[in-house]
């Protein structure tokens, strides 16, 4: 029996509200397959986006206080203990901000609240956190800012920087944020590395490769990073395939912000989209811990094909694939096989950017 995907999201949101903590936060997870214990910041931001998007559509007044309490948590000391960046994870071997992507997730939620509820305070907070990250003009990336406000090196993970650029592009009243996000996007189409089938290489490097005698170590490191593109590193390819939709989703957000950019019709973008039509790629999503059980690949690609290809039928195909993989009878559409139930449920927020109505096989 078919049911509306949006109705399913409403049902799961109502259940999630019952888990909201006294301080307004929602339960944190452990970053899926990485098992890094997380504070409630990330999932609270995701649920704020979901609940705000639902309110935008149905004007349910019962959601307002829930959202306000969650926003108060993000604005408070627990989430920003030193009034700098958001405190996202607790693993002492890693930064506490989750690079720049932990900040991107909060920024997109705050911007959504600012738009729907005319909360200028939320917009200002999102803008301030974004702009406190130093921009490196030569590499066209952002440095990480630690929770106490000190500067770290730039975040070397391509999808992190891509999502931070996407978050910056949402700051429509901020010319500097718009400018830097566009500069990143321009550069991304130049540097992005693809496997032969169009899948984005997970370790796409930002450092250019220059044959200079005093850069021997850099050359060795660069060649070691690029070797999997020409060799058969199956584990890294599987990870790259699991993150392909996640990358494309961020590109789709950037497309909404910069609709006339020439990159959307480039050969690289066409190749990246065509990868998703490949049966081998579709098979690679199965039994892939970085795909359906963590990154909601099917829901992400539905938005991607709406925005980057205007292909509603293929969007429905990917929604069906996600539900087949992760839906639980009488439960969530995202929790079967997942290693992080709290985060998997919260990541349903990615569905709320879909414009069209879609159906799923009823989860009951």
Protein backbone atom coordinates (compact mmCIF):
# COMPACT_ATOMS: atom_id res chain seq x y z
CA UNK A 1 0.00 0.00 0.00
CA UNK A 2 1.34 3.41 -0.97
CA UNK A 3 1.48 6.45 1.30
CA UNK A 4 2.79 9.97 0.99
CA UNK A 5 6.47 10.39 1.81
CA UNK A 6 5.69 13.74 3.40
CA UNK A 7 3.05 12.16 5.67
CA UNK A 8 5.62 9.61 6.76
CA UNK A 9 8.03 12.41 7.65
CA UNK A 10 5.32 14.14 9.71
CA UNK A 11 4.67 10.89 11.58
CA UNK A 12 8.36 10.44 12.40
CA UNK A 13 8.72 14.08 13.40
CA UNK A 14 5.85 13.72 15.87
CA UNK A 15 7.61 10.73 17.40
CA UNK A 16 10.90 12.63 17.53
CA UNK A 17 9.31 15.50 19.46
CA UNK A 18 8.72 13.07 22.33
CA UNK A 19 12.50 12.58 22.59
CA UNK A 20 13.31 16.28 22.96
CA UNK A 21 15.35 16.90 26.10
CA UNK A 22 14.53 19.46 28.79
CA UNK A 23 17.21 21.80 27.44
CA UNK A 24 15.58 21.76 23.99
CA UNK A 25 18.11 19.46 22.37
CA UNK A 26 17.47 16.19 20.58
CA UNK A 27 19.50 13.02 21.22
CA UNK A 28 22.95 12.95 19.67
CA UNK A 29 24.43 9.99 17.83
CA UNK A 30 27.93 8.81 16.98
CA UNK A 31 28.47 9.95 13.40
CA UNK A 32 27.28 6.70 11.88
CA UNK A 33 30.04 4.25 10.89
CA UNK A 34 32.79 6.43 12.42
CA UNK A 35 31.58 5.93 16.00
CA UNK A 36 32.68 9.40 17.11
CA UNK A 37 30.41 10.31 20.04
CA UNK A 38 28.52 13.48 19.14
CA UNK A 39 26.90 16.17 21.22
CA UNK A 40 23.22 16.86 20.51
CA UNK A 41 24.17 19.81 18.24
CA UNK A 42 24.09 18.03 14.88
CA UNK A 43 20.84 16.13 15.33
CA UNK A 44 19.16 19.11 16.97
CA UNK A 45 20.02 21.17 13.89
CA UNK A 46 18.63 18.45 11.61
CA UNK A 47 15.36 18.25 13.55
CA UNK A 48 15.03 22.03 13.58
CA UNK A 49 15.26 21.98 9.78
CA UNK A 50 12.66 19.20 9.57
CA UNK A 51 10.18 20.74 11.98
CA UNK A 52 10.56 24.21 10.47
CA UNK A 53 10.02 22.83 6.96
CA UNK A 54 6.91 20.98 8.11
CA UNK A 55 5.58 24.11 9.81
CA UNK A 56 6.16 26.05 6.58
CA UNK A 57 3.80 23.65 4.82
CA UNK A 58 1.07 23.01 7.40
CA UNK A 59 1.35 25.93 9.89
CA UNK A 60 0.89 23.56 12.85
CA UNK A 61 1.15 25.89 15.89
CA UNK A 62 2.19 23.00 18.15
CA UNK A 63 5.58 22.94 16.42
CA UNK A 64 6.50 26.51 17.30
CA UNK A 65 7.48 25.98 20.94
CA UNK A 66 9.40 22.82 20.07
CA UNK A 67 11.42 24.68 17.46
CA UNK A 68 11.99 27.68 19.73
CA UNK A 69 13.35 25.48 22.51
CA UNK A 70 15.68 23.69 20.09
CA UNK A 71 16.94 27.03 18.73
CA UNK A 72 17.52 28.26 22.29
CA UNK A 73 19.70 25.20 22.84
CA UNK A 74 21.82 25.99 19.76
CA UNK A 75 22.19 29.59 20.91
CA UNK A 76 23.18 28.56 24.43
CA UNK A 77 26.42 27.70 26.20
CA UNK A 78 26.07 23.96 25.81
CA UNK A 79 26.20 24.23 22.02
CA UNK A 80 28.68 27.14 21.85
CA UNK A 81 30.55 26.97 25.15
CA UNK A 82 33.03 29.73 24.22
CA UNK A 83 30.86 31.81 21.86
CA UNK A 84 32.84 30.68 18.83
CA UNK A 85 32.02 27.57 16.78
CA UNK A 86 29.54 24.84 17.66
CA UNK A 87 30.65 21.93 19.85
CA UNK A 88 29.72 18.92 17.72
CA UNK A 89 31.74 15.88 18.80
CA UNK A 90 33.70 14.67 21.81
CA UNK A 91 36.43 12.41 20.39
CA UNK A 92 39.64 13.85 21.93
CA UNK A 93 41.67 12.57 18.95
CA UNK A 94 39.73 14.79 16.54
CA UNK A 95 38.58 18.40 16.48
CA UNK A 96 35.40 19.10 18.41
CA UNK A 97 33.76 20.98 15.51
CA UNK A 98 33.65 18.06 13.05
CA UNK A 99 35.74 20.12 10.65
CA UNK A 100 33.69 22.68 8.77
CA UNK A 101 30.82 20.34 8.00
CA UNK A 102 29.60 20.25 11.59
CA UNK A 103 29.17 24.01 11.32
CA UNK A 104 27.50 23.79 7.90
CA UNK A 105 24.72 21.60 9.28
CA UNK A 106 23.90 24.14 11.99
CA UNK A 107 24.10 27.10 9.62
CA UNK A 108 21.55 25.59 7.20
CA UNK A 109 19.11 24.97 10.06
CA UNK A 110 19.48 28.49 11.46
CA UNK A 111 18.95 30.02 8.02
CA UNK A 112 15.77 27.98 7.56
CA UNK A 113 14.41 29.20 10.90
CA UNK A 114 15.36 32.77 10.02
CA UNK A 115 13.41 32.55 6.75
CA UNK A 116 10.27 30.90 8.07
CA UNK A 117 9.94 32.72 11.42
CA UNK A 118 11.65 35.98 10.50
CA UNK A 119 14.28 35.31 13.16
CA UNK A 120 17.04 37.78 12.30
CA UNK A 121 18.95 36.66 15.40
CA UNK A 122 19.27 33.18 13.86
CA UNK A 123 20.48 34.62 10.58
CA UNK A 124 23.07 36.79 12.33
CA UNK A 125 24.37 33.82 14.32
CA UNK A 126 24.64 31.68 11.16
CA UNK A 127 26.42 34.51 9.33
CA UNK A 128 28.82 35.18 12.19
CA UNK A 129 29.83 31.54 12.52
CA UNK A 130 30.33 31.22 8.78
CA UNK A 131 32.41 34.37 8.44
CA UNK A 132 34.62 33.62 11.44
CA UNK A 133 36.17 30.80 9.36
CA UNK A 134 39.27 32.21 7.63
CA UNK A 135 39.20 31.97 3.85
CA UNK A 136 42.40 30.85 2.09
CA UNK A 137 42.36 32.62 -1.30
CA UNK A 138 45.04 30.47 -2.95
CA UNK A 139 43.39 27.14 -2.13
CA UNK A 140 39.86 28.57 -2.11
CA UNK A 141 38.90 26.69 1.05
CA UNK A 142 38.15 27.53 4.68
CA UNK A 143 40.21 26.89 7.78
CA UNK A 144 38.66 25.11 10.74
CA UNK A 145 37.91 27.28 13.77
CA UNK A 146 38.13 25.42 17.05
CA UNK A 147 35.41 25.58 19.69
CA UNK A 148 37.37 28.12 21.75
CA UNK A 149 37.95 30.34 18.70
CA UNK A 150 41.54 29.44 17.77
CA UNK A 151 42.41 28.60 14.17
CA UNK A 152 43.19 25.11 12.91
CA UNK A 153 44.44 24.04 9.48
CA UNK A 154 42.03 23.92 6.55
CA UNK A 155 39.62 20.99 6.43
CA UNK A 156 41.10 18.64 3.76
CA UNK A 157 37.92 16.63 3.16
CA UNK A 158 36.29 17.65 -0.13
CA UNK A 159 32.68 16.95 0.88
CA UNK A 160 33.15 18.99 4.08
CA UNK A 161 34.30 22.05 2.16
CA UNK A 162 31.60 21.53 -0.47
CA UNK A 163 28.87 21.47 2.17
CA UNK A 164 30.31 24.52 3.91
CA UNK A 165 30.18 26.35 0.58
CA UNK A 166 26.57 25.24 0.15
CA UNK A 167 25.73 26.53 3.63
CA UNK A 168 27.41 29.84 2.84
CA UNK A 169 25.40 30.16 -0.34
CA UNK A 170 22.22 30.16 1.77
CA UNK A 171 23.32 33.42 3.43
CA UNK A 172 21.63 35.58 0.82
CA UNK A 173 22.08 38.85 2.73
CA UNK A 174 25.85 38.32 3.06
CA UNK A 175 27.82 39.39 -0.02
CA UNK A 176 31.09 38.02 1.36
CA UNK A 177 29.57 34.59 2.05
CA UNK A 178 28.07 34.57 -1.45
CA UNK A 179 31.36 35.59 -3.02
CA UNK A 180 33.42 32.93 -1.27
CA UNK A 181 30.90 30.17 -1.90
CA UNK A 182 30.92 31.05 -5.59
CA UNK A 183 34.73 31.13 -5.68
CA UNK A 184 34.77 27.68 -4.09
CA UNK A 185 32.25 26.40 -6.64
CA UNK A 186 34.28 27.78 -9.55
CA UNK A 187 37.37 26.04 -8.25
CA UNK A 188 35.55 22.81 -7.40
CA UNK A 189 34.75 22.14 -11.05
CA UNK A 190 38.45 22.59 -11.85
CA UNK A 191 39.97 20.39 -9.15
CA UNK A 192 37.37 17.68 -8.60
CA UNK A 193 38.68 14.21 -9.38
CA UNK A 194 36.41 11.50 -10.78
CA UNK A 195 36.78 7.79 -11.26
CA UNK A 196 36.30 6.65 -14.84
CA UNK A 197 32.61 6.00 -14.20
CA UNK A 198 32.01 9.52 -12.85
CA UNK A 199 32.03 8.80 -9.11
CA UNK A 200 33.65 11.62 -7.12
CA UNK A 201 36.99 10.61 -5.65
CA UNK A 202 36.65 10.90 -1.86
CA UNK A 203 40.16 12.30 -1.39
CA UNK A 204 39.97 14.98 -4.08
CA UNK A 205 42.96 17.16 -3.11
CA UNK A 206 42.96 20.95 -2.84
CA UNK A 207 46.74 21.33 -3.04
CA UNK A 208 47.95 21.75 -6.63
CA UNK A 209 50.64 19.40 -7.89
CA UNK A 210 53.79 21.32 -8.81
CA UNK A 211 57.09 19.79 -9.91
CA UNK A 212 59.40 21.78 -7.65
CA UNK A 213 62.49 20.25 -5.97
CA UNK A 214 61.63 21.66 -2.56
CA UNK A 215 58.22 20.01 -2.56
CA UNK A 216 59.26 16.35 -2.59
CA UNK A 217 57.14 15.41 0.42
CA UNK A 218 54.14 17.16 -1.08
CA UNK A 219 54.64 15.27 -4.33
CA UNK A 220 54.85 11.93 -2.55
CA UNK A 221 51.72 12.68 -0.52
CA UNK A 222 49.86 13.85 -3.62
CA UNK A 223 50.80 10.76 -5.61
CA UNK A 224 49.78 8.50 -2.74
CA UNK A 225 46.38 10.23 -2.66
CA UNK A 226 45.92 9.97 -6.40
CA UNK A 227 47.09 6.37 -6.74
CA UNK A 228 43.64 4.84 -6.05
CA UNK A 229 42.30 6.58 -9.15
CA UNK A 230 44.51 4.40 -11.31
CA UNK A 231 44.78 1.36 -9.04
CA UNK A 232 42.10 -0.89 -7.58
CA UNK A 233 41.60 0.35 -4.05
CA UNK A 234 38.16 -1.20 -3.64
CA UNK A 235 37.53 0.02 -0.10
CA UNK A 236 38.20 3.64 -0.96
CA UNK A 237 36.08 3.36 -4.10
CA UNK A 238 33.24 1.91 -2.03
CA UNK A 239 33.49 4.87 0.34
CA UNK A 240 33.58 7.28 -2.59
CA UNK A 241 30.47 5.62 -4.05
CA UNK A 242 28.72 5.89 -0.68
CA UNK A 243 29.43 9.63 -0.53
CA UNK A 244 28.69 10.38 -4.19
CA UNK A 245 25.05 11.32 -3.54
CA UNK A 246 26.01 13.35 -0.48
CA UNK A 247 28.36 15.42 -2.64
CA UNK A 248 25.79 15.84 -5.40
CA UNK A 249 23.18 16.95 -2.85
CA UNK A 250 25.44 19.84 -1.82
CA UNK A 251 25.96 20.69 -5.49
CA UNK A 252 22.17 20.78 -5.87
CA UNK A 253 21.90 23.31 -3.01
CA UNK A 254 24.55 25.40 -4.76
CA UNK A 255 22.56 25.11 -8.00
CA UNK A 256 19.59 26.73 -6.26
CA UNK A 257 21.85 29.55 -5.09
CA UNK A 258 23.75 30.00 -8.36
CA UNK A 259 21.35 28.70 -11.05
CA UNK A 260 23.21 30.22 -14.00
CA UNK A 261 26.62 28.75 -13.23
CA UNK A 262 28.12 27.08 -16.28
CA UNK A 263 29.21 24.08 -14.21
CA UNK A 264 25.70 22.63 -14.19
CA UNK A 265 25.97 21.81 -17.89
CA UNK A 266 29.63 20.84 -17.81
CA UNK A 267 30.96 17.47 -18.92
CA UNK A 268 32.01 16.73 -15.33
CA UNK A 269 28.52 17.28 -13.96
CA UNK A 270 26.98 15.18 -16.73
CA UNK A 271 29.46 12.41 -15.92
CA UNK A 272 28.70 12.62 -12.20
CA UNK A 273 24.97 12.35 -12.82
CA UNK A 274 25.34 9.55 -15.34
CA UNK A 275 27.24 7.53 -12.74
CA UNK A 276 23.98 7.26 -10.79
CA UNK A 277 22.25 5.63 -13.76
CA UNK A 278 24.84 2.88 -13.88
CA UNK A 279 23.63 -0.49 -12.55
CA UNK A 280 27.05 -1.25 -11.05
CA UNK A 281 26.91 2.00 -9.07
CA UNK A 282 23.40 1.19 -7.89
CA UNK A 283 24.56 -2.25 -6.76
CA UNK A 284 27.52 -0.67 -4.95
CA UNK A 285 25.07 1.14 -2.64
CA UNK A 286 23.90 -2.19 -1.21
CA UNK A 287 25.83 -3.50 1.82
CA UNK A 288 27.70 -0.21 1.90
CA UNK A 289 27.93 1.28 5.39
CA UNK A 290 28.53 4.74 3.93
CA UNK A 291 25.39 4.63 1.80
CA UNK A 292 21.74 3.94 2.73
CA UNK A 293 22.27 3.20 6.44
CA UNK A 294 24.23 6.45 7.00
CA UNK A 295 24.10 8.82 4.03
CA UNK A 296 20.48 8.56 2.87
CA UNK A 297 21.61 8.05 -0.73
CA UNK A 298 18.16 7.43 -2.16
CA UNK A 299 16.62 10.54 -0.64
CA UNK A 300 19.67 12.60 -1.58
CA UNK A 301 19.57 11.50 -5.20
CA UNK A 302 15.86 12.26 -5.40
CA UNK A 303 16.66 15.90 -4.67
CA UNK A 304 19.69 15.77 -6.98
CA UNK A 305 17.65 14.57 -9.94
CA UNK A 306 14.89 17.08 -9.24
CA UNK A 307 17.33 19.96 -9.14
CA UNK A 308 20.17 19.01 -11.49
CA UNK A 309 18.32 16.90 -14.04
CA UNK A 310 14.59 17.63 -13.61
CA UNK A 311 13.93 13.90 -13.68
CA UNK A 312 11.03 13.17 -11.33
CA UNK A 313 10.72 9.51 -12.33
CA UNK A 314 14.34 8.78 -11.46
CA UNK A 315 13.89 10.67 -8.21
CA UNK A 316 11.06 8.26 -7.35
CA UNK A 317 13.30 5.33 -8.30
CA UNK A 318 15.90 6.39 -5.74
CA UNK A 319 13.31 7.00 -3.03
CA UNK A 320 12.08 3.45 -3.55
CA UNK A 321 15.64 2.12 -3.29
CA UNK A 322 16.22 3.96 0.00
CA UNK A 323 12.98 2.71 1.53
CA UNK A 324 13.63 -0.87 0.42
CA UNK A 325 17.01 -0.76 2.11
CA UNK A 326 16.33 1.02 5.41
CA UNK A 327 12.60 1.07 6.23
CA UNK A 328 11.44 -0.82 9.31
CA UNK A 329 7.97 -2.30 9.59
CA UNK A 330 5.85 -0.16 11.90
CA UNK A 331 8.80 2.22 12.29
CA UNK A 332 11.16 4.63 10.64
CA UNK A 333 12.09 4.60 6.97
CA UNK A 334 15.74 5.10 7.95
CA UNK A 335 16.70 2.71 10.73
CA UNK A 336 17.09 -0.81 9.31
CA UNK A 337 20.77 -1.83 9.19
CA UNK A 338 21.94 1.50 10.60
CA UNK A 339 24.67 1.70 13.23
CA UNK A 340 23.42 5.06 14.51
CA UNK A 341 19.65 5.18 14.93
CA UNK A 342 19.49 8.72 16.35
CA UNK A 343 21.44 10.22 13.47
CA UNK A 344 19.68 8.13 10.82
CA UNK A 345 16.28 9.38 11.96
CA UNK A 346 17.49 12.98 12.10
CA UNK A 347 18.86 12.83 8.57
CA UNK A 348 15.33 12.58 7.23
CA UNK A 349 15.59 16.36 7.08
CA UNK A 350 17.25 15.98 3.67
CA UNK A 351 13.90 14.89 2.23
CA UNK A 352 12.32 18.26 3.03
CA UNK A 353 14.03 20.01 0.12
CA UNK A 354 12.03 17.95 -2.39
CA UNK A 355 9.55 20.02 -4.39
CA UNK A 356 7.34 17.26 -5.78
CA UNK A 357 5.07 14.79 -4.03
CA UNK A 358 6.37 11.24 -3.82
CA UNK A 359 5.01 7.99 -2.45
CA UNK A 360 6.53 5.12 -0.56
CA UNK A 361 5.37 1.62 0.23
CA UNK A 362 3.58 2.04 3.54
CA UNK A 363 5.80 1.24 6.52
CA UNK A 364 3.24 -0.48 8.74
